[in-house]
Protein backbone atom coordinates (compact mmCIF):
# COMPACT_ATOMS: atom_id res chain seq x y z
CA MET A 1 8.89 71.08 3.88
CA ASN A 2 12.59 71.91 3.92
CA PRO A 3 14.43 68.94 5.51
CA THR A 4 17.30 71.12 6.76
CA LYS A 5 14.91 73.07 8.98
CA ILE A 6 14.19 70.01 11.10
CA GLY A 7 17.66 68.57 11.39
CA PHE A 8 18.19 66.65 8.13
CA GLN A 9 21.54 67.76 6.70
CA PRO A 10 22.65 65.83 3.59
CA ASP A 11 26.15 67.35 3.72
CA ALA A 12 26.76 66.67 7.43
CA PRO A 13 29.83 64.64 8.56
CA LEU A 14 29.52 60.86 8.16
CA GLU A 15 29.37 60.27 11.92
CA THR A 16 26.46 62.69 12.22
CA LYS A 17 24.65 61.21 9.21
CA LEU A 18 24.80 57.73 10.76
CA ARG A 19 23.54 58.83 14.19
CA PRO A 20 19.98 57.51 14.66
CA THR A 21 17.82 60.41 15.83
CA PHE A 22 14.67 60.48 13.65
CA LYS A 23 11.43 58.67 14.51
CA SER A 24 9.40 57.01 11.75
CA GLY A 25 6.77 59.78 11.70
CA ALA A 26 9.42 62.44 11.08
CA VAL A 27 11.08 60.37 8.34
CA ALA A 28 7.74 59.85 6.61
CA ARG A 29 6.97 63.59 6.69
CA ILE A 30 10.39 64.51 5.32
CA ALA A 31 10.26 61.90 2.56
CA GLY A 32 6.63 62.71 1.75
CA MET A 33 5.09 59.27 2.24
CA PRO A 34 2.74 57.47 4.65
CA VAL A 35 4.33 55.85 7.70
CA ALA A 36 2.72 52.58 6.59
CA THR A 37 4.68 52.66 3.31
CA LEU A 38 7.94 53.32 5.15
CA ARG A 39 7.34 50.29 7.35
CA ILE A 40 6.55 48.08 4.35
CA TRP A 41 9.78 49.14 2.67
CA GLU A 42 11.70 48.47 5.86
CA GLN A 43 10.16 45.12 6.81
CA ARG A 44 9.54 43.55 3.41
CA TYR A 45 12.43 44.94 1.36
CA GLN A 46 15.00 45.96 4.01
CA ALA A 47 15.35 49.20 2.07
CA VAL A 48 16.27 51.14 5.24
CA HIS A 49 17.79 49.88 8.48
CA PRO A 50 16.68 51.75 11.62
CA VAL A 51 17.75 50.81 15.12
CA THR A 52 15.38 50.11 18.00
CA ALA A 53 15.80 52.43 21.00
CA ALA A 54 15.32 51.35 24.60
CA SER A 55 11.89 52.99 24.46
CA GLY A 56 10.89 50.62 21.64
CA HIS A 57 10.80 53.35 18.97
CA ARG A 58 12.52 52.83 15.63
CA LEU A 59 15.17 55.50 15.11
CA TYR A 60 16.56 56.48 11.71
CA SER A 61 19.75 58.31 10.82
CA SER A 62 20.12 61.21 8.38
CA ALA A 63 21.50 58.71 5.88
CA ASP A 64 18.28 56.68 6.28
CA VAL A 65 16.21 59.82 5.75
CA GLU A 66 18.05 60.63 2.53
CA ARG A 67 17.66 57.05 1.36
CA ALA A 68 13.92 57.03 2.10
CA THR A 69 13.50 60.33 0.24
CA LEU A 70 15.34 58.99 -2.80
CA LEU A 71 13.26 55.81 -2.73
CA ARG A 72 10.03 57.78 -2.60
CA ARG A 73 11.05 60.06 -5.49
CA LEU A 74 12.24 57.20 -7.69
CA THR A 75 9.14 55.06 -7.07
CA ALA A 76 7.02 58.08 -7.97
CA GLN A 77 8.86 58.06 -11.33
CA GLY A 78 7.77 54.46 -11.88
CA HIS A 79 10.75 52.46 -10.59
CA ALA A 80 9.91 49.31 -8.60
CA ILE A 81 10.81 49.36 -4.90
CA GLY A 82 11.88 45.72 -5.14
CA LEU A 83 14.71 46.74 -7.49
CA LEU A 84 15.61 50.02 -5.78
CA ALA A 85 15.98 48.42 -2.34
CA ALA A 86 19.12 46.55 -3.42
CA LEU A 87 20.86 49.69 -4.71
CA GLU A 88 23.39 51.80 -2.82
CA THR A 89 22.37 55.35 -1.96
CA GLU A 90 24.96 56.75 -4.38
CA GLN A 91 23.45 54.73 -7.22
CA MET A 92 20.05 56.24 -6.50
CA ARG A 93 21.58 59.73 -6.43
CA GLN A 94 22.94 59.09 -9.90
CA MET A 95 19.53 57.91 -11.09
CA MET A 96 18.00 61.14 -9.83
CA GLN A 97 20.66 63.22 -11.60
CA ALA A 98 20.37 61.34 -14.89
CA PRO A 99 18.52 63.18 -17.68
CA LYS A 100 14.85 62.29 -17.52
CA ALA A 101 13.13 61.03 -20.62
CA THR A 102 10.52 63.36 -21.97
CA MET A 103 7.09 62.21 -20.87
CA PRO A 104 4.70 61.67 -23.76
CA ALA A 105 1.99 64.30 -23.93
CA SER A 106 -0.65 61.57 -23.71
CA GLN A 107 0.67 60.21 -20.39
CA PRO A 108 -0.91 62.00 -17.42
CA ALA A 109 0.91 62.96 -14.25
CA ALA A 110 0.83 60.70 -11.21
CA ARG A 111 -2.37 60.68 -9.17
CA ARG A 112 -2.02 61.70 -5.53
CA ALA A 113 -4.34 59.46 -3.54
CA VAL A 114 -5.52 59.01 0.02
CA VAL A 115 -6.28 55.36 0.76
CA VAL A 116 -8.79 54.23 3.40
CA GLY A 117 -8.10 50.57 4.21
CA GLN A 118 -4.77 49.10 5.23
CA ALA A 119 -5.35 45.88 3.27
CA LEU A 120 -6.05 47.85 0.09
CA ALA A 121 -2.89 49.90 0.64
CA ARG A 122 -0.88 46.66 0.81
CA ARG A 123 -2.44 45.46 -2.45
CA LEU A 124 -1.71 48.77 -4.16
CA GLN A 125 1.90 48.69 -3.01
CA ARG A 126 2.17 45.13 -4.30
CA LEU A 127 0.79 46.24 -7.66
CA MET A 128 3.21 49.15 -7.94
CA ASP A 129 6.15 46.98 -6.90
CA SER A 130 5.48 44.45 -9.64
CA GLN A 131 4.71 46.93 -12.43
CA PRO A 132 4.25 50.70 -12.50
CA LEU A 133 0.67 51.89 -12.81
CA ILE A 134 -0.15 54.19 -15.72
CA PRO A 135 -1.05 56.79 -14.69
CA ALA A 136 1.20 56.38 -11.68
CA LEU A 137 -0.33 56.38 -8.21
CA GLN A 138 1.22 58.09 -5.21
CA MET A 139 -0.25 57.15 -1.83
CA VAL A 140 -0.19 60.37 0.19
CA ASP A 141 -1.53 58.71 3.34
CA VAL A 142 -3.33 55.59 4.56
CA PHE A 143 -6.13 55.42 7.14
CA ASP A 144 -8.26 52.75 8.77
CA THR A 145 -11.60 54.58 8.48
CA LEU A 146 -13.20 57.44 6.57
CA VAL A 147 -13.67 59.31 9.85
CA GLU A 148 -9.92 59.15 10.55
CA ALA A 149 -9.19 60.34 7.02
CA ALA A 150 -11.52 63.35 7.37
CA GLN A 151 -10.04 64.29 10.74
CA ALA A 152 -6.48 64.06 9.40
CA ALA A 153 -7.33 66.32 6.48
CA GLN A 154 -8.45 69.02 8.89
CA ARG A 155 -5.00 68.93 10.51
CA SER A 156 -3.13 68.87 7.19
CA THR A 157 -1.54 72.02 5.81
CA ASN A 158 -1.97 70.76 2.23
CA PRO A 159 -5.06 68.52 2.06
CA GLY A 160 -5.52 68.58 -1.71
CA VAL A 161 -5.32 65.17 -3.49
CA ASP A 162 -6.57 63.78 -6.80
CA LEU A 163 -8.33 60.67 -5.57
CA LEU A 164 -9.88 59.13 -2.46
CA LEU A 165 -9.76 55.31 -2.50
CA TRP A 166 -11.93 53.46 0.03
CA GLN A 167 -11.98 49.73 0.77
CA ALA A 168 -15.34 48.86 2.33
CA ALA A 169 -16.25 45.51 3.83
CA SER A 170 -19.90 46.32 3.19
CA LEU A 171 -22.02 49.13 1.76
CA HIS A 172 -25.35 50.27 3.15
CA PRO A 173 -27.51 53.36 2.58
CA GLY A 174 -25.77 56.18 4.42
CA ALA A 175 -22.21 55.21 3.45
CA GLY A 176 -22.21 57.95 0.82
CA GLN A 177 -22.50 60.67 3.43
CA GLU A 178 -19.38 59.50 5.24
CA LEU A 179 -17.51 59.15 1.95
CA ARG A 180 -18.54 62.67 0.89
CA LEU A 181 -17.28 64.16 4.17
CA ALA A 182 -13.85 62.56 3.73
CA GLN A 183 -13.72 63.44 0.04
CA ASP A 184 -14.58 67.08 0.70
CA ALA A 185 -12.08 67.27 3.57
CA TRP A 186 -9.27 66.14 1.24
CA GLN A 187 -10.61 68.27 -1.63
CA ALA A 188 -10.52 65.17 -3.84
CA PRO A 189 -12.34 65.65 -7.16
CA ALA A 190 -12.71 61.86 -7.55
CA ALA A 191 -13.59 58.98 -5.25
CA ALA A 192 -13.43 55.23 -5.87
CA VAL A 193 -14.72 52.38 -3.73
CA VAL A 194 -13.95 48.66 -3.68
CA TYR A 195 -16.32 46.54 -1.61
CA ARG A 196 -17.03 42.93 -0.64
CA PHE A 197 -20.75 43.02 0.13
CA SER A 198 -23.38 45.58 -0.73
CA SER A 199 -27.07 46.20 -1.06
CA ALA A 200 -28.31 47.59 -4.37
CA ALA A 201 -29.30 50.80 -2.57
CA GLY A 202 -25.80 51.17 -1.14
CA ARG A 203 -24.17 50.88 -4.56
CA SER A 204 -26.71 53.17 -6.18
CA GLU A 205 -26.15 55.86 -3.57
CA LEU A 206 -22.41 55.95 -4.21
CA THR A 207 -22.63 55.86 -8.00
CA SER A 208 -25.24 58.63 -7.91
CA ALA A 209 -22.77 60.68 -5.89
CA GLY A 210 -20.17 60.25 -8.66
CA ALA A 211 -17.99 57.57 -7.04
CA ALA A 212 -16.54 54.71 -9.08
CA VAL A 213 -17.63 51.44 -7.42
CA LEU A 214 -16.19 47.96 -7.91
CA TYR A 215 -16.71 44.59 -6.25
CA GLU A 216 -13.18 43.90 -5.00
CA PRO A 217 -11.53 41.34 -7.30
CA ALA A 218 -9.41 38.53 -5.91
CA ASP A 219 -6.74 38.89 -8.62
CA ASP A 220 -4.42 41.87 -8.81
CA ASP A 221 -4.63 42.17 -12.61
CA SER A 222 -8.35 43.01 -12.49
CA LEU A 223 -7.73 45.59 -9.78
CA ARG A 224 -4.92 47.10 -11.86
CA GLN A 225 -7.14 47.40 -14.94
CA TRP A 226 -9.87 49.11 -12.92
CA LEU A 227 -7.44 51.58 -11.36
CA THR A 228 -5.94 52.54 -14.71
CA SER A 229 -9.42 53.01 -16.19
CA LEU A 230 -10.55 55.49 -13.54
CA PRO A 231 -11.25 58.94 -15.00
CA ARG A 232 -9.14 61.86 -13.85
CA ALA A 233 -12.04 63.49 -12.01
CA ARG A 234 -15.71 62.96 -11.35
CA THR A 235 -18.02 65.65 -10.07
CA PRO A 236 -20.27 64.39 -7.25
CA SER A 237 -23.94 65.29 -7.60
CA ASP A 238 -25.82 67.07 -4.85
CA THR A 239 -27.50 64.08 -3.25
CA THR A 240 -29.04 64.32 0.20
CA VAL A 241 -28.15 61.25 2.23
CA ILE A 242 -29.83 60.23 5.47
CA ALA A 243 -27.83 57.71 7.51
CA PRO A 244 -29.94 54.87 8.94
CA ASP A 245 -29.91 53.95 12.59
CA LEU A 246 -27.96 50.68 12.68
CA THR A 247 -27.43 48.47 15.69
CA ILE A 248 -24.28 46.36 15.38
CA PRO A 249 -23.85 43.39 17.75
CA SER A 250 -20.77 43.68 19.95
CA GLN A 251 -18.02 41.08 20.23
CA LYS A 252 -19.30 40.24 23.73
CA SER A 253 -22.79 39.47 22.41
CA LEU A 254 -21.34 37.25 19.71
CA ALA A 255 -19.15 35.47 22.26
CA LYS A 256 -22.33 34.45 24.11
CA GLN A 257 -23.38 32.63 20.92
CA GLY A 258 -20.06 30.76 20.83
CA ILE A 259 -18.55 33.04 18.16
CA SER A 260 -15.06 34.31 18.90
CA ALA A 261 -13.53 37.51 17.55
CA PRO A 262 -11.61 37.26 14.24
CA ARG A 263 -8.15 35.76 14.73
CA PHE A 264 -6.53 37.50 11.75
CA CYS A 265 -6.85 41.08 10.50
CA ASP A 266 -7.59 41.99 6.86
CA VAL A 267 -4.09 43.36 6.27
CA ALA A 268 -2.43 40.15 7.49
CA LEU A 269 -4.74 37.96 5.39
CA THR A 270 -4.09 40.07 2.28
CA GLN A 271 -0.34 39.74 2.83
CA PHE A 272 -0.68 35.97 3.45
CA ALA A 273 -2.61 35.57 0.18
CA GLY A 274 0.34 37.08 -1.67
CA LEU A 275 2.92 34.76 -0.08
CA SER A 276 1.87 31.73 -2.09
CA SER A 277 1.55 33.41 -5.50
CA ALA A 278 4.76 31.72 -6.71
CA MET A 279 3.85 28.28 -5.34
CA ALA A 280 2.50 25.44 -7.49
CA CYS A 281 -0.34 24.97 -5.02
CA GLU A 282 -2.53 28.05 -4.71
CA CYS A 283 -4.70 26.65 -1.90
CA PRO A 284 -3.19 28.95 0.79
CA SER A 285 -3.99 32.01 -1.31
CA HIS A 286 -7.52 30.83 -2.12
CA LEU A 287 -8.15 29.95 1.52
CA ALA A 288 -7.11 33.42 2.67
CA GLU A 289 -9.41 35.00 0.07
CA LEU A 290 -12.32 32.80 1.22
CA LEU A 291 -11.66 33.75 4.82
CA LEU A 292 -11.72 37.44 3.90
CA GLN A 293 -14.99 36.89 2.02
CA VAL A 294 -16.66 35.10 4.94
CA SER A 295 -15.41 37.73 7.42
CA TYR A 296 -16.80 40.55 5.29
CA PHE A 297 -20.17 38.79 5.03
CA GLU A 298 -20.19 38.35 8.81
CA THR A 299 -19.72 42.10 9.21
CA TYR A 300 -22.26 42.83 6.48
CA SER A 301 -24.92 40.70 8.18
CA GLY A 302 -24.41 42.49 11.48
CA GLU A 303 -24.77 45.90 9.82
CA CYS A 304 -27.85 45.15 7.71
CA ALA A 305 -30.78 47.45 8.38
CA ASN A 306 -33.73 45.62 9.96
CA LYS A 307 -37.35 46.32 8.97
CA SER A 308 -38.90 44.12 11.65
CA ALA A 309 -38.13 41.84 14.59
CA ALA A 310 -38.17 38.84 12.27
CA ASP A 311 -35.76 40.62 9.94
CA ALA A 312 -33.40 41.29 12.83
CA GLN A 313 -33.56 37.67 13.92
CA LEU A 314 -32.72 36.49 10.40
CA HIS A 315 -29.69 38.78 10.14
CA ALA A 316 -28.48 37.67 13.58
CA TYR A 317 -28.75 34.06 12.40
CA LEU A 318 -26.81 34.82 9.20
CA GLN A 319 -24.11 36.58 11.21
CA GLN A 320 -23.81 33.59 13.52
CA VAL A 321 -23.55 31.17 10.58
CA ALA A 322 -20.88 33.36 8.95
CA GLY A 323 -18.99 33.59 12.25
CA THR A 324 -19.04 29.82 12.64
CA ALA A 325 -17.77 29.38 9.07
CA ARG A 326 -15.04 31.96 9.69
CA MET A 327 -13.79 30.07 12.72
CA LEU A 328 -13.61 26.85 10.67
CA PHE A 329 -11.70 28.62 7.89
CA GLU A 330 -9.30 30.14 10.44
CA LYS A 331 -8.49 26.65 11.72
CA ALA A 332 -8.04 25.40 8.16
CA LEU A 333 -5.72 28.31 7.36
CA GLU A 334 -3.60 27.45 10.37
CA GLN A 335 -3.28 23.81 9.26
CA VAL A 336 -2.41 24.76 5.67
CA ALA A 337 0.21 27.28 6.84
CA ILE A 338 1.88 24.60 8.97
CA ALA A 339 1.79 22.04 6.14
CA GLU A 340 3.25 24.49 3.58
CA GLY A 341 5.79 26.04 5.96
CA LEU A 342 4.25 29.50 5.63
CA PRO A 343 4.20 32.03 8.48
CA LEU A 344 0.77 32.49 10.01
CA PRO A 345 -0.90 35.88 9.49
CA LEU A 346 -0.59 38.32 12.37
CA VAL A 347 -3.23 37.82 15.02
CA SER A 348 -5.93 40.51 15.04
CA THR A 349 -5.93 42.78 18.08
CA ALA A 350 -9.71 42.29 18.24
CA SER A 351 -9.22 38.63 19.10
CA SER A 352 -7.64 39.58 22.41
CA LEU A 353 -10.63 41.64 23.52
């Protein structure tokens, strides 16, 4: 997309360049990045400084657009956003104009990836901020579900990517069909899945379809090693998948059992776990990881396929136990955050339902 066609003029007068007129969606499209990444760079690193309009929308100037574009291009070259954020725009221009070192023939080009899972996207950004991935990873877009990813690809003018990355709370037979639809929609030759809970059949279905599957590690180094070991492309086999008929208890039905909705979302817990990485006491980080684990098992129990009435009753009991444990861990997390002076994770929107 040519930025000048939609109002971005790098050579415009200074007063015009500083006038906030662009919404975050437009800035993300011009710079070639997900809106989620733009917000992370703004909120965590103060890399750009939009103003808030009376309508509540963030508005960016042409200077912000140029800065975001430079940031995206330089991070794609392997520079850490944490270092770039402190630079002046002119310094980044000079970095772009500097002669580029010849890339070794053995080093592959950056992978363009679609990520399904906001919490995974945060972890990936954290990985890339601390140390460039080799081969480099460029997040083209981030979605909450595979269905949303597939629908977005149908609206995209250039849906081709190298990799589809999916973070799944649980895997059951039938998940492969949904993954294949999203993978085909984005024309991704490779798919990779990180999960928290899974049946053997769920894992087998995905690996048979050519997807790389990994139990999501708590430490970033293990995740980094797995990402760098992924092959450039895997060819899915022609596997017929029949999705089972699953009945998932609603939040209202759980509330009748004394189980409240989750207080904290996965993205907020993932971010909270990273806050205490430099602290001598790692209890806050471990507690957040445990809470994620219990929450995923709660979801997994509710989604398990039932072979009989007794089977259904057992899974309902397991879900209730997991929900009770989650509520206890949520209270513990709150107490630890207060004691350590850490900000509480953002409250999940589901908890207000």
